[in-house]
Amino acid sequence: DGGDGLVAFRREKYVPEGGPAGGDGGKGGDVIFRVDEGLRTLMDFRYQ
């Protein structure tokens, strides 16, 4: 899942009317299948 965005505001000293400062959430990871010539069976998928 993607990360949630944030509601935040700048409140530092000497920064008048700092305004909104909430960043975006990060992208979720993809599930990627990669061929490995060292494998010869789907045995691993029997348990996971």
ModelCIF file with pLDDT and N, C-alpha, C, O atoms, coordinates in Angstrom:
data_MODEL
#
_entry.id   MODEL 
#
_entity.id                         1 
_entity.type                       polymer 
_entity.pdbx_number_of_molecules   1 
#
_entity_poly.entity_id                      1 
_entity_poly.type                           'polypeptide(L)' 
_entity_poly.nstd_linkage                   no 
_entity_poly.nstd_monomer                   no 
_entity_poly.pdbx_seq_one_letter_code       DGGDGLVAFRREKYVPEGGPAGGDGGKGGDVIFRVDEGLRTLMDFRYQ 
_entity_poly.pdbx_seq_one_letter_code_can   DGGDGLVAFRREKYVPEGGPAGGDGGKGGDVIFRVDEGLRTLMDFRYQ 
_entity_poly.pdbx_strand_id                 A 
#
loop_
_entity_poly_seq.entity_id 
_entity_poly_seq.num 
_entity_poly_seq.mon_id 
_entity_poly_seq.hetero 
1 1  ASP n 
1 2  GLY n 
1 3  GLY n 
1 4  ASP n 
1 5  GLY n 
1 6  LEU n 
1 7  VAL n 
1 8  ALA n 
1 9  PHE n 
1 10 ARG n 
1 11 ARG n 
1 12 GLU n 
1 13 LYS n 
1 14 TYR n 
1 15 VAL n 
1 16 PRO n 
1 17 GLU n 
1 18 GLY n 
1 19 GLY n 
1 20 PRO n 
1 21 ALA n 
1 22 GLY n 
1 23 GLY n 
1 24 ASP n 
1 25 GLY n 
1 26 GLY n 
1 27 LYS n 
1 28 GLY n 
1 29 GLY n 
1 30 ASP n 
1 31 VAL n 
1 32 ILE n 
1 33 PHE n 
1 34 ARG n 
1 35 VAL n 
1 36 ASP n 
1 37 GLU n 
1 38 GLY n 
1 39 LEU n 
1 40 ARG n 
1 41 THR n 
1 42 LEU n 
1 43 MET n 
1 44 ASP n 
1 45 PHE n 
1 46 ARG n 
1 47 TYR n 
1 48 GLN n 
#
_struct_asym.id          A 
_struct_asym.entity_id   1 
#
loop_
_ma_qa_metric.id 
_ma_qa_metric.mode 
_ma_qa_metric.name 
_ma_qa_metric.software_group_id 
_ma_qa_metric.type 
1 global pLDDT . pLDDT 
2 local  pLDDT . pLDDT 
#
_ma_qa_metric_global.metric_id      1 
_ma_qa_metric_global.metric_value   87.46 
_ma_qa_metric_global.model_id       1 
_ma_qa_metric_global.ordinal_id     1 
#
loop_
_ma_qa_metric_local.label_asym_id 
_ma_qa_metric_local.label_comp_id 
_ma_qa_metric_local.label_seq_id 
_ma_qa_metric_local.metric_id 
_ma_qa_metric_local.metric_value 
_ma_qa_metric_local.model_id 
_ma_qa_metric_local.ordinal_id 
A ASP 1  2 95.00 1 1  
A GLY 2  2 95.00 1 2  
A GLY 3  2 94.00 1 3  
A ASP 4  2 93.00 1 4  
A GLY 5  2 93.00 1 5  
A LEU 6  2 92.00 1 6  
A VAL 7  2 91.00 1 7  
A ALA 8  2 90.00 1 8  
A PHE 9  2 90.00 1 9  
A ARG 10 2 85.00 1 10 
A ARG 11 2 80.00 1 11 
A GLU 12 2 78.00 1 12 
A LYS 13 2 78.00 1 13 
A TYR 14 2 77.00 1 14 
A VAL 15 2 71.00 1 15 
A PRO 16 2 70.00 1 16 
A GLU 17 2 70.00 1 17 
A GLY 18 2 78.00 1 18 
A GLY 19 2 85.00 1 19 
A PRO 20 2 90.00 1 20 
A ALA 21 2 90.00 1 21 
A GLY 22 2 92.00 1 22 
A GLY 23 2 93.00 1 23 
A ASP 24 2 94.00 1 24 
A GLY 25 2 94.00 1 25 
A GLY 26 2 95.00 1 26 
A LYS 27 2 95.00 1 27 
A GLY 28 2 95.00 1 28 
A GLY 29 2 95.00 1 29 
A ASP 30 2 95.00 1 30 
A VAL 31 2 96.00 1 31 
A ILE 32 2 95.00 1 32 
A PHE 33 2 95.00 1 33 
A ARG 34 2 94.00 1 34 
A VAL 35 2 92.00 1 35 
A ASP 36 2 91.00 1 36 
A GLU 37 2 85.00 1 37 
A GLY 38 2 84.00 1 38 
A LEU 39 2 83.00 1 39 
A ARG 40 2 76.00 1 40 
A THR 41 2 78.00 1 41 
A LEU 42 2 84.00 1 42 
A MET 43 2 82.00 1 43 
A ASP 44 2 84.00 1 44 
A PHE 45 2 89.00 1 45 
A ARG 46 2 82.00 1 46 
A TYR 47 2 85.00 1 47 
A GLN 48 2 90.00 1 48 
#
loop_
_atom_site.group_PDB 
_atom_site.id 
_atom_site.type_symbol 
_atom_site.label_atom_id 
_atom_site.label_alt_id 
_atom_site.label_comp_id 
_atom_site.label_asym_id 
_atom_site.label_entity_id 
_atom_site.label_seq_id 
_atom_site.pdbx_PDB_ins_code 
_atom_site.Cartn_x 
_atom_site.Cartn_y 
_atom_site.Cartn_z 
_atom_site.occupancy 
_atom_site.B_iso_or_equiv 
_atom_site.pdbx_formal_charge 
_atom_site.auth_seq_id 
_atom_site.auth_comp_id 
_atom_site.auth_asym_id 
_atom_site.auth_atom_id 
_atom_site.pdbx_PDB_model_num 
ATOM 1   N N  . ASP A 1 1  ? 0.843  -1.200  0.000   1.00 95.00 ? 1  ASP A N  1 
ATOM 2   C CA . ASP A 1 1  ? 0.000  0.000   0.000   1.00 95.00 ? 1  ASP A CA 1 
ATOM 3   C C  . ASP A 1 1  ? 0.880  1.253   0.000   1.00 95.00 ? 1  ASP A C  1 
ATOM 4   O O  . ASP A 1 1  ? 1.997  1.247   0.519   1.00 95.00 ? 1  ASP A O  1 
ATOM 5   N N  . GLY A 1 2  ? 0.359  2.310   -0.585  1.00 95.00 ? 2  GLY A N  1 
ATOM 6   C CA . GLY A 1 2  ? 1.082  3.579   -0.550  1.00 95.00 ? 2  GLY A CA 1 
ATOM 7   C C  . GLY A 1 2  ? 1.022  4.195   0.842   1.00 95.00 ? 2  GLY A C  1 
ATOM 8   O O  . GLY A 1 2  ? 0.067  3.957   1.581   1.00 95.00 ? 2  GLY A O  1 
ATOM 9   N N  . GLY A 1 3  ? 2.016  4.974   1.204   1.00 94.00 ? 3  GLY A N  1 
ATOM 10  C CA . GLY A 1 3  ? 2.025  5.653   2.493   1.00 94.00 ? 3  GLY A CA 1 
ATOM 11  C C  . GLY A 1 3  ? 1.034  6.810   2.516   1.00 94.00 ? 3  GLY A C  1 
ATOM 12  O O  . GLY A 1 3  ? 0.737  7.402   1.478   1.00 94.00 ? 3  GLY A O  1 
ATOM 13  N N  . ASP A 1 4  ? 0.532  7.124   3.687   1.00 93.00 ? 4  ASP A N  1 
ATOM 14  C CA . ASP A 1 4  ? -0.442 8.213   3.826   1.00 93.00 ? 4  ASP A CA 1 
ATOM 15  C C  . ASP A 1 4  ? 0.242  9.576   3.751   1.00 93.00 ? 4  ASP A C  1 
ATOM 16  O O  . ASP A 1 4  ? 1.367  9.748   4.221   1.00 93.00 ? 4  ASP A O  1 
ATOM 17  N N  . GLY A 1 5  ? -0.453 10.531  3.158   1.00 93.00 ? 5  GLY A N  1 
ATOM 18  C CA . GLY A 1 5  ? 0.027  11.910  3.180   1.00 93.00 ? 5  GLY A CA 1 
ATOM 19  C C  . GLY A 1 5  ? -0.186 12.520  4.562   1.00 93.00 ? 5  GLY A C  1 
ATOM 20  O O  . GLY A 1 5  ? -0.936 11.977  5.373   1.00 93.00 ? 5  GLY A O  1 
ATOM 21  N N  . LEU A 1 6  ? 0.468  13.642  4.832   1.00 92.00 ? 6  LEU A N  1 
ATOM 22  C CA . LEU A 1 6  ? 0.451  14.242  6.170   1.00 92.00 ? 6  LEU A CA 1 
ATOM 23  C C  . LEU A 1 6  ? -0.095 15.663  6.125   1.00 92.00 ? 6  LEU A C  1 
ATOM 24  O O  . LEU A 1 6  ? 0.152  16.425  5.190   1.00 92.00 ? 6  LEU A O  1 
ATOM 25  N N  . VAL A 1 7  ? -0.846 15.989  7.171   1.00 91.00 ? 7  VAL A N  1 
ATOM 26  C CA . VAL A 1 7  ? -1.267 17.369  7.381   1.00 91.00 ? 7  VAL A CA 1 
ATOM 27  C C  . VAL A 1 7  ? -0.327 17.986  8.413   1.00 91.00 ? 7  VAL A C  1 
ATOM 28  O O  . VAL A 1 7  ? -0.307 17.549  9.563   1.00 91.00 ? 7  VAL A O  1 
ATOM 29  N N  . ALA A 1 8  ? 0.439  18.977  8.029   1.00 90.00 ? 8  ALA A N  1 
ATOM 30  C CA . ALA A 1 8  ? 1.387  19.627  8.943   1.00 90.00 ? 8  ALA A CA 1 
ATOM 31  C C  . ALA A 1 8  ? 1.606  21.069  8.492   1.00 90.00 ? 8  ALA A C  1 
ATOM 32  O O  . ALA A 1 8  ? 1.343  21.423  7.343   1.00 90.00 ? 8  ALA A O  1 
ATOM 33  N N  . PHE A 1 9  ? 2.093  21.887  9.417   1.00 90.00 ? 9  PHE A N  1 
ATOM 34  C CA . PHE A 1 9  ? 2.349  23.300  9.124   1.00 90.00 ? 9  PHE A CA 1 
ATOM 35  C C  . PHE A 1 9  ? 3.695  23.700  9.707   1.00 90.00 ? 9  PHE A C  1 
ATOM 36  O O  . PHE A 1 9  ? 4.143  23.151  10.713  1.00 90.00 ? 9  PHE A O  1 
ATOM 37  N N  . ARG A 1 10 ? 4.326  24.660  9.059   1.00 85.00 ? 10 ARG A N  1 
ATOM 38  C CA . ARG A 1 10 ? 5.623  25.163  9.537   1.00 85.00 ? 10 ARG A CA 1 
ATOM 39  C C  . ARG A 1 10 ? 5.393  26.135  10.696  1.00 85.00 ? 10 ARG A C  1 
ATOM 40  O O  . ARG A 1 10 ? 4.594  27.067  10.610  1.00 85.00 ? 10 ARG A O  1 
ATOM 41  N N  . ARG A 1 11 ? 6.109  25.884  11.757  1.00 80.00 ? 11 ARG A N  1 
ATOM 42  C CA . ARG A 1 11 ? 5.945  26.756  12.936  1.00 80.00 ? 11 ARG A CA 1 
ATOM 43  C C  . ARG A 1 11 ? 7.307  27.187  13.492  1.00 80.00 ? 11 ARG A C  1 
ATOM 44  O O  . ARG A 1 11 ? 7.437  27.439  14.690  1.00 80.00 ? 11 ARG A O  1 
ATOM 45  N N  . GLU A 1 12 ? 8.314  27.271  12.630  1.00 78.00 ? 12 GLU A N  1 
ATOM 46  C CA . GLU A 1 12 ? 9.635  27.667  13.112  1.00 78.00 ? 12 GLU A CA 1 
ATOM 47  C C  . GLU A 1 12 ? 9.686  29.174  13.419  1.00 78.00 ? 12 GLU A C  1 
ATOM 48  O O  . GLU A 1 12 ? 8.941  29.977  12.857  1.00 78.00 ? 12 GLU A O  1 
ATOM 49  N N  . LYS A 1 13 ? 10.548 29.494  14.285  1.00 78.00 ? 13 LYS A N  1 
ATOM 50  C CA . LYS A 1 13 ? 10.794 30.892  14.591  1.00 78.00 ? 13 LYS A CA 1 
ATOM 51  C C  . LYS A 1 13 ? 11.371 31.593  13.363  1.00 78.00 ? 13 LYS A C  1 
ATOM 52  O O  . LYS A 1 13 ? 12.127 31.000  12.593  1.00 78.00 ? 13 LYS A O  1 
ATOM 53  N N  . TYR A 1 14 ? 11.016 32.820  13.199  1.00 77.00 ? 14 TYR A N  1 
ATOM 54  C CA . TYR A 1 14 ? 11.478 33.630  12.073  1.00 77.00 ? 14 TYR A CA 1 
ATOM 55  C C  . TYR A 1 14 ? 10.935 33.156  10.715  1.00 77.00 ? 14 TYR A C  1 
ATOM 56  O O  . TYR A 1 14 ? 11.441 33.562  9.669   1.00 77.00 ? 14 TYR A O  1 
ATOM 57  N N  . VAL A 1 15 ? 9.909  32.298  10.734  1.00 71.00 ? 15 VAL A N  1 
ATOM 58  C CA . VAL A 1 15 ? 9.270  31.906  9.472   1.00 71.00 ? 15 VAL A CA 1 
ATOM 59  C C  . VAL A 1 15 ? 7.799  32.308  9.570   1.00 71.00 ? 15 VAL A C  1 
ATOM 60  O O  . VAL A 1 15 ? 6.945  31.472  9.866   1.00 71.00 ? 15 VAL A O  1 
ATOM 61  N N  . PRO A 1 16 ? 7.502  33.581  9.323   1.00 70.00 ? 16 PRO A N  1 
ATOM 62  C CA . PRO A 1 16 ? 6.117  34.043  9.456   1.00 70.00 ? 16 PRO A CA 1 
ATOM 63  C C  . PRO A 1 16 ? 5.232  33.427  8.381   1.00 70.00 ? 16 PRO A C  1 
ATOM 64  O O  . PRO A 1 16 ? 5.632  33.304  7.223   1.00 70.00 ? 16 PRO A O  1 
ATOM 65  N N  . GLU A 1 17 ? 4.027  33.044  8.778   1.00 70.00 ? 17 GLU A N  1 
ATOM 66  C CA . GLU A 1 17 ? 3.058  32.470  7.848   1.00 70.00 ? 17 GLU A CA 1 
ATOM 67  C C  . GLU A 1 17 ? 3.694  31.331  7.050   1.00 70.00 ? 17 GLU A C  1 
ATOM 68  O O  . GLU A 1 17 ? 3.672  31.320  5.819   1.00 70.00 ? 17 GLU A O  1 
ATOM 69  N N  . GLY A 1 18 ? 4.251  30.389  7.776   1.00 78.00 ? 18 GLY A N  1 
ATOM 70  C CA . GLY A 1 18 ? 4.997  29.296  7.131   1.00 78.00 ? 18 GLY A CA 1 
ATOM 71  C C  . GLY A 1 18 ? 4.172  28.466  6.180   1.00 78.00 ? 18 GLY A C  1 
ATOM 72  O O  . GLY A 1 18 ? 4.690  27.961  5.184   1.00 78.00 ? 18 GLY A O  1 
ATOM 73  N N  . GLY A 1 19 ? 2.895  28.316  6.473   1.00 85.00 ? 19 GLY A N  1 
ATOM 74  C CA . GLY A 1 19 ? 2.031  27.588  5.553   1.00 85.00 ? 19 GLY A CA 1 
ATOM 75  C C  . GLY A 1 19 ? 2.113  26.074  5.699   1.00 85.00 ? 19 GLY A C  1 
ATOM 76  O O  . GLY A 1 19 ? 2.772  25.566  6.606   1.00 85.00 ? 19 GLY A O  1 
ATOM 77  N N  . PRO A 1 20 ? 1.439  25.352  4.801   1.00 90.00 ? 20 PRO A N  1 
ATOM 78  C CA . PRO A 1 20 ? 1.383  23.884  4.884   1.00 90.00 ? 20 PRO A CA 1 
ATOM 79  C C  . PRO A 1 20 ? 2.752  23.267  4.647   1.00 90.00 ? 20 PRO A C  1 
ATOM 80  O O  . PRO A 1 20 ? 3.544  23.778  3.855   1.00 90.00 ? 20 PRO A O  1 
ATOM 81  N N  . ALA A 1 21 ? 3.028  22.154  5.343   1.00 90.00 ? 21 ALA A N  1 
ATOM 82  C CA . ALA A 1 21 ? 4.343  21.503  5.202   1.00 90.00 ? 21 ALA A CA 1 
ATOM 83  C C  . ALA A 1 21 ? 4.233  19.996  5.359   1.00 90.00 ? 21 ALA A C  1 
ATOM 84  O O  . ALA A 1 21 ? 5.185  19.339  5.780   1.00 90.00 ? 21 ALA A O  1 
ATOM 85  N N  . GLY A 1 22 ? 3.064  19.445  5.018   1.00 92.00 ? 22 GLY A N  1 
ATOM 86  C CA . GLY A 1 22 ? 2.896  17.990  5.099   1.00 92.00 ? 22 GLY A CA 1 
ATOM 87  C C  . GLY A 1 22 ? 3.301  17.317  3.811   1.00 92.00 ? 22 GLY A C  1 
ATOM 88  O O  . GLY A 1 22 ? 2.784  17.664  2.749   1.00 92.00 ? 22 GLY A O  1 
ATOM 89  N N  . GLY A 1 23 ? 4.223  16.351  3.873   1.00 93.00 ? 23 GLY A N  1 
ATOM 90  C CA . GLY A 1 23 ? 4.737  15.691  2.676   1.00 93.00 ? 23 GLY A CA 1 
ATOM 91  C C  . GLY A 1 23 ? 3.864  14.541  2.191   1.00 93.00 ? 23 GLY A C  1 
ATOM 92  O O  . GLY A 1 23 ? 2.944  14.096  2.878   1.00 93.00 ? 23 GLY A O  1 
ATOM 93  N N  . ASP A 1 24 ? 4.180  14.078  0.992   1.00 94.00 ? 24 ASP A N  1 
ATOM 94  C CA . ASP A 1 24 ? 3.458  12.947  0.400   1.00 94.00 ? 24 ASP A CA 1 
ATOM 95  C C  . ASP A 1 24 ? 3.955  11.629  0.986   1.00 94.00 ? 24 ASP A C  1 
ATOM 96  O O  . ASP A 1 24 ? 5.089  11.522  1.451   1.00 94.00 ? 24 ASP A O  1 
ATOM 97  N N  . GLY A 1 25 ? 3.078  10.636  0.950   1.00 94.00 ? 25 GLY A N  1 
ATOM 98  C CA . GLY A 1 25 ? 3.484  9.290   1.343   1.00 94.00 ? 25 GLY A CA 1 
ATOM 99  C C  . GLY A 1 25 ? 4.279  8.617   0.242   1.00 94.00 ? 25 GLY A C  1 
ATOM 100 O O  . GLY A 1 25 ? 4.168  8.992   -0.925  1.00 94.00 ? 25 GLY A O  1 
ATOM 101 N N  . GLY A 1 26 ? 5.086  7.617   0.607   1.00 95.00 ? 26 GLY A N  1 
ATOM 102 C CA . GLY A 1 26 ? 5.900  6.901   -0.372  1.00 95.00 ? 26 GLY A CA 1 
ATOM 103 C C  . GLY A 1 26 ? 5.108  5.825   -1.098  1.00 95.00 ? 26 GLY A C  1 
ATOM 104 O O  . GLY A 1 26 ? 4.080  5.362   -0.604  1.00 95.00 ? 26 GLY A O  1 
ATOM 105 N N  . LYS A 1 27 ? 5.583  5.433   -2.260  1.00 95.00 ? 27 LYS A N  1 
ATOM 106 C CA . LYS A 1 27 ? 4.938  4.391   -3.063  1.00 95.00 ? 27 LYS A CA 1 
ATOM 107 C C  . LYS A 1 27 ? 5.154  3.017   -2.424  1.00 95.00 ? 27 LYS A C  1 
ATOM 108 O O  . LYS A 1 27 ? 6.222  2.741   -1.878  1.00 95.00 ? 27 LYS A O  1 
ATOM 109 N N  . GLY A 1 28 ? 4.145  2.169   -2.495  1.00 95.00 ? 28 GLY A N  1 
ATOM 110 C CA . GLY A 1 28 ? 4.279  0.794   -2.008  1.00 95.00 ? 28 GLY A CA 1 
ATOM 111 C C  . GLY A 1 28 ? 5.154  -0.031  -2.933  1.00 95.00 ? 28 GLY A C  1 
ATOM 112 O O  . GLY A 1 28 ? 5.283  0.287   -4.115  1.00 95.00 ? 28 GLY A O  1 
ATOM 113 N N  . GLY A 1 29 ? 5.748  -1.075  -2.412  1.00 95.00 ? 29 GLY A N  1 
ATOM 114 C CA . GLY A 1 29 ? 6.631  -1.924  -3.207  1.00 95.00 ? 29 GLY A CA 1 
ATOM 115 C C  . GLY A 1 29 ? 5.872  -2.801  -4.192  1.00 95.00 ? 29 GLY A C  1 
ATOM 116 O O  . GLY A 1 29 ? 4.755  -3.235  -3.912  1.00 95.00 ? 29 GLY A O  1 
ATOM 117 N N  . ASP A 1 30 ? 6.482  -3.060  -5.347  1.00 95.00 ? 30 ASP A N  1 
ATOM 118 C CA . ASP A 1 30 ? 5.923  -3.991  -6.333  1.00 95.00 ? 30 ASP A CA 1 
ATOM 119 C C  . ASP A 1 30 ? 6.337  -5.415  -5.986  1.00 95.00 ? 30 ASP A C  1 
ATOM 120 O O  . ASP A 1 30 ? 7.366  -5.631  -5.347  1.00 95.00 ? 30 ASP A O  1 
ATOM 121 N N  . VAL A 1 31 ? 5.533  -6.379  -6.408  1.00 96.00 ? 31 VAL A N  1 
ATOM 122 C CA . VAL A 1 31 ? 5.928  -7.786  -6.340  1.00 96.00 ? 31 VAL A CA 1 
ATOM 123 C C  . VAL A 1 31 ? 6.426  -8.172  -7.728  1.00 96.00 ? 31 VAL A C  1 
ATOM 124 O O  . VAL A 1 31 ? 5.660  -8.188  -8.691  1.00 96.00 ? 31 VAL A O  1 
ATOM 125 N N  . ILE A 1 32 ? 7.716  -8.484  -7.820  1.00 95.00 ? 32 ILE A N  1 
ATOM 126 C CA . ILE A 1 32 ? 8.359  -8.755  -9.105  1.00 95.00 ? 32 ILE A CA 1 
ATOM 127 C C  . ILE A 1 32 ? 8.842  -10.205 -9.131  1.00 95.00 ? 32 ILE A C  1 
ATOM 128 O O  . ILE A 1 32 ? 9.494  -10.665 -8.194  1.00 95.00 ? 32 ILE A O  1 
ATOM 129 N N  . PHE A 1 33 ? 8.519  -10.917 -10.203 1.00 95.00 ? 33 PHE A N  1 
ATOM 130 C CA . PHE A 1 33 ? 9.011  -12.285 -10.392 1.00 95.00 ? 33 PHE A CA 1 
ATOM 131 C C  . PHE A 1 33 ? 10.222 -12.232 -11.308 1.00 95.00 ? 33 PHE A C  1 
ATOM 132 O O  . PHE A 1 33 ? 10.191 -11.616 -12.373 1.00 95.00 ? 33 PHE A O  1 
ATOM 133 N N  . ARG A 1 34 ? 11.297 -12.896 -10.869 1.00 94.00 ? 34 ARG A N  1 
ATOM 134 C CA . ARG A 1 34 ? 12.559 -12.882 -11.623 1.00 94.00 ? 34 ARG A CA 1 
ATOM 135 C C  . ARG A 1 34 ? 13.021 -14.322 -11.861 1.00 94.00 ? 34 ARG A C  1 
ATOM 136 O O  . ARG A 1 34 ? 12.984 -15.155 -10.955 1.00 94.00 ? 34 ARG A O  1 
ATOM 137 N N  . VAL A 1 35 ? 13.454 -14.600 -13.084 1.00 92.00 ? 35 VAL A N  1 
ATOM 138 C CA . VAL A 1 35 ? 13.918 -15.943 -13.434 1.00 92.00 ? 35 VAL A CA 1 
ATOM 139 C C  . VAL A 1 35 ? 15.322 -16.170 -12.902 1.00 92.00 ? 35 VAL A C  1 
ATOM 140 O O  . VAL A 1 35 ? 16.212 -15.342 -13.092 1.00 92.00 ? 35 VAL A O  1 
ATOM 141 N N  . ASP A 1 36 ? 15.511 -17.307 -12.229 1.00 91.00 ? 36 ASP A N  1 
ATOM 142 C CA . ASP A 1 36 ? 16.815 -17.714 -11.712 1.00 91.00 ? 36 ASP A CA 1 
ATOM 143 C C  . ASP A 1 36 ? 17.125 -19.093 -12.285 1.00 91.00 ? 36 ASP A C  1 
ATOM 144 O O  . ASP A 1 36 ? 16.465 -20.078 -11.953 1.00 91.00 ? 36 ASP A O  1 
ATOM 145 N N  . GLU A 1 37 ? 18.148 -19.150 -13.157 1.00 85.00 ? 37 GLU A N  1 
ATOM 146 C CA . GLU A 1 37 ? 18.452 -20.414 -13.827 1.00 85.00 ? 37 GLU A CA 1 
ATOM 147 C C  . GLU A 1 37 ? 18.984 -21.487 -12.872 1.00 85.00 ? 37 GLU A C  1 
ATOM 148 O O  . GLU A 1 37 ? 19.127 -22.646 -13.261 1.00 85.00 ? 37 GLU A O  1 
ATOM 149 N N  . GLY A 1 38 ? 19.274 -21.107 -11.628 1.00 84.00 ? 38 GLY A N  1 
ATOM 150 C CA . GLY A 1 38 ? 19.715 -22.095 -10.651 1.00 84.00 ? 38 GLY A CA 1 
ATOM 151 C C  . GLY A 1 38 ? 18.575 -22.899 -10.058 1.00 84.00 ? 38 GLY A C  1 
ATOM 152 O O  . GLY A 1 38 ? 18.813 -23.876 -9.348  1.00 84.00 ? 38 GLY A O  1 
ATOM 153 N N  . LEU A 1 39 ? 17.330 -22.503 -10.340 1.00 83.00 ? 39 LEU A N  1 
ATOM 154 C CA . LEU A 1 39 ? 16.177 -23.225 -9.812  1.00 83.00 ? 39 LEU A CA 1 
ATOM 155 C C  . LEU A 1 39 ? 15.630 -24.177 -10.869 1.00 83.00 ? 39 LEU A C  1 
ATOM 156 O O  . LEU A 1 39 ? 15.686 -23.891 -12.065 1.00 83.00 ? 39 LEU A O  1 
ATOM 157 N N  . ARG A 1 40 ? 15.105 -25.306 -10.417 1.00 76.00 ? 40 ARG A N  1 
ATOM 158 C CA . ARG A 1 40 ? 14.550 -26.297 -11.332 1.00 76.00 ? 40 ARG A CA 1 
ATOM 159 C C  . ARG A 1 40 ? 13.173 -26.788 -10.921 1.00 76.00 ? 40 ARG A C  1 
ATOM 160 O O  . ARG A 1 40 ? 12.623 -27.669 -11.581 1.00 76.00 ? 40 ARG A O  1 
ATOM 161 N N  . THR A 1 41 ? 12.599 -26.250 -9.853  1.00 78.00 ? 41 THR A N  1 
ATOM 162 C CA . THR A 1 41 ? 11.321 -26.713 -9.344  1.00 78.00 ? 41 THR A CA 1 
ATOM 163 C C  . THR A 1 41 ? 10.610 -25.573 -8.625  1.00 78.00 ? 41 THR A C  1 
ATOM 164 O O  . THR A 1 41 ? 11.231 -24.579 -8.246  1.00 78.00 ? 41 THR A O  1 
ATOM 165 N N  . LEU A 1 42 ? 9.303  -25.729 -8.443  1.00 84.00 ? 42 LEU A N  1 
ATOM 166 C CA . LEU A 1 42 ? 8.499  -24.752 -7.702  1.00 84.00 ? 42 LEU A CA 1 
ATOM 167 C C  . LEU A 1 42 ? 8.323  -25.176 -6.254  1.00 84.00 ? 42 LEU A C  1 
ATOM 168 O O  . LEU A 1 42 ? 7.338  -24.819 -5.607  1.00 84.00 ? 42 LEU A O  1 
ATOM 169 N N  . MET A 1 43 ? 9.281  -25.938 -5.753  1.00 82.00 ? 43 MET A N  1 
ATOM 170 C CA . MET A 1 43 ? 9.184  -26.491 -4.404  1.00 82.00 ? 43 MET A CA 1 
ATOM 171 C C  . MET A 1 43 ? 8.998  -25.395 -3.351  1.00 82.00 ? 43 MET A C  1 
ATOM 172 O O  . MET A 1 43 ? 8.246  -25.585 -2.395  1.00 82.00 ? 43 MET A O  1 
ATOM 173 N N  . ASP A 1 44 ? 9.659  -24.274 -3.511  1.00 84.00 ? 44 ASP A N  1 
ATOM 174 C CA . ASP A 1 44 ? 9.575  -23.209 -2.507  1.00 84.00 ? 44 ASP A CA 1 
ATOM 175 C C  . ASP A 1 44 ? 8.152  -22.714 -2.316  1.00 84.00 ? 44 ASP A C  1 
ATOM 176 O O  . ASP A 1 44 ? 7.790  -22.270 -1.226  1.00 84.00 ? 44 ASP A O  1 
ATOM 177 N N  . PHE A 1 45 ? 7.343  -22.787 -3.365  1.00 89.00 ? 45 PHE A N  1 
ATOM 178 C CA . PHE A 1 45 ? 5.975  -22.269 -3.289  1.00 89.00 ? 45 PHE A CA 1 
ATOM 179 C C  . PHE A 1 45 ? 5.018  -23.267 -2.635  1.00 89.00 ? 45 PHE A C  1 
ATOM 180 O O  . PHE A 1 45 ? 3.835  -22.975 -2.457  1.00 89.00 ? 45 PHE A O  1 
ATOM 181 N N  . ARG A 1 46 ? 5.528  -24.425 -2.284  1.00 82.00 ? 46 ARG A N  1 
ATOM 182 C CA . ARG A 1 46 ? 4.683  -25.375 -1.568  1.00 82.00 ? 46 ARG A CA 1 
ATOM 183 C C  . ARG A 1 46 ? 4.521  -24.961 -0.109  1.00 82.00 ? 46 ARG A C  1 
ATOM 184 O O  . ARG A 1 46 ? 3.513  -25.271 0.527   1.00 82.00 ? 46 ARG A O  1 
ATOM 185 N N  . TYR A 1 47 ? 5.517  -24.264 0.409   1.00 85.00 ? 47 TYR A N  1 
ATOM 186 C CA . TYR A 1 47 ? 5.508  -23.895 1.816   1.00 85.00 ? 47 TYR A CA 1 
ATOM 187 C C  . TYR A 1 47 ? 5.199  -22.414 2.032   1.00 85.00 ? 47 TYR A C  1 
ATOM 188 O O  . TYR A 1 47 ? 4.677  -22.044 3.083   1.00 85.00 ? 47 TYR A O  1 
ATOM 189 N N  . GLN A 1 48 ? 5.506  -21.581 1.074   1.00 90.00 ? 48 GLN A N  1 
ATOM 190 C CA . GLN A 1 48 ? 5.166  -20.161 1.173   1.00 90.00 ? 48 GLN A CA 1 
ATOM 191 C C  . GLN A 1 48 ? 4.244  -19.799 0.027   1.00 90.00 ? 48 GLN A C  1 
ATOM 192 O O  . GLN A 1 48 ? 3.827  -18.646 -0.090  1.00 90.00 ? 48 GLN A O  1 
#
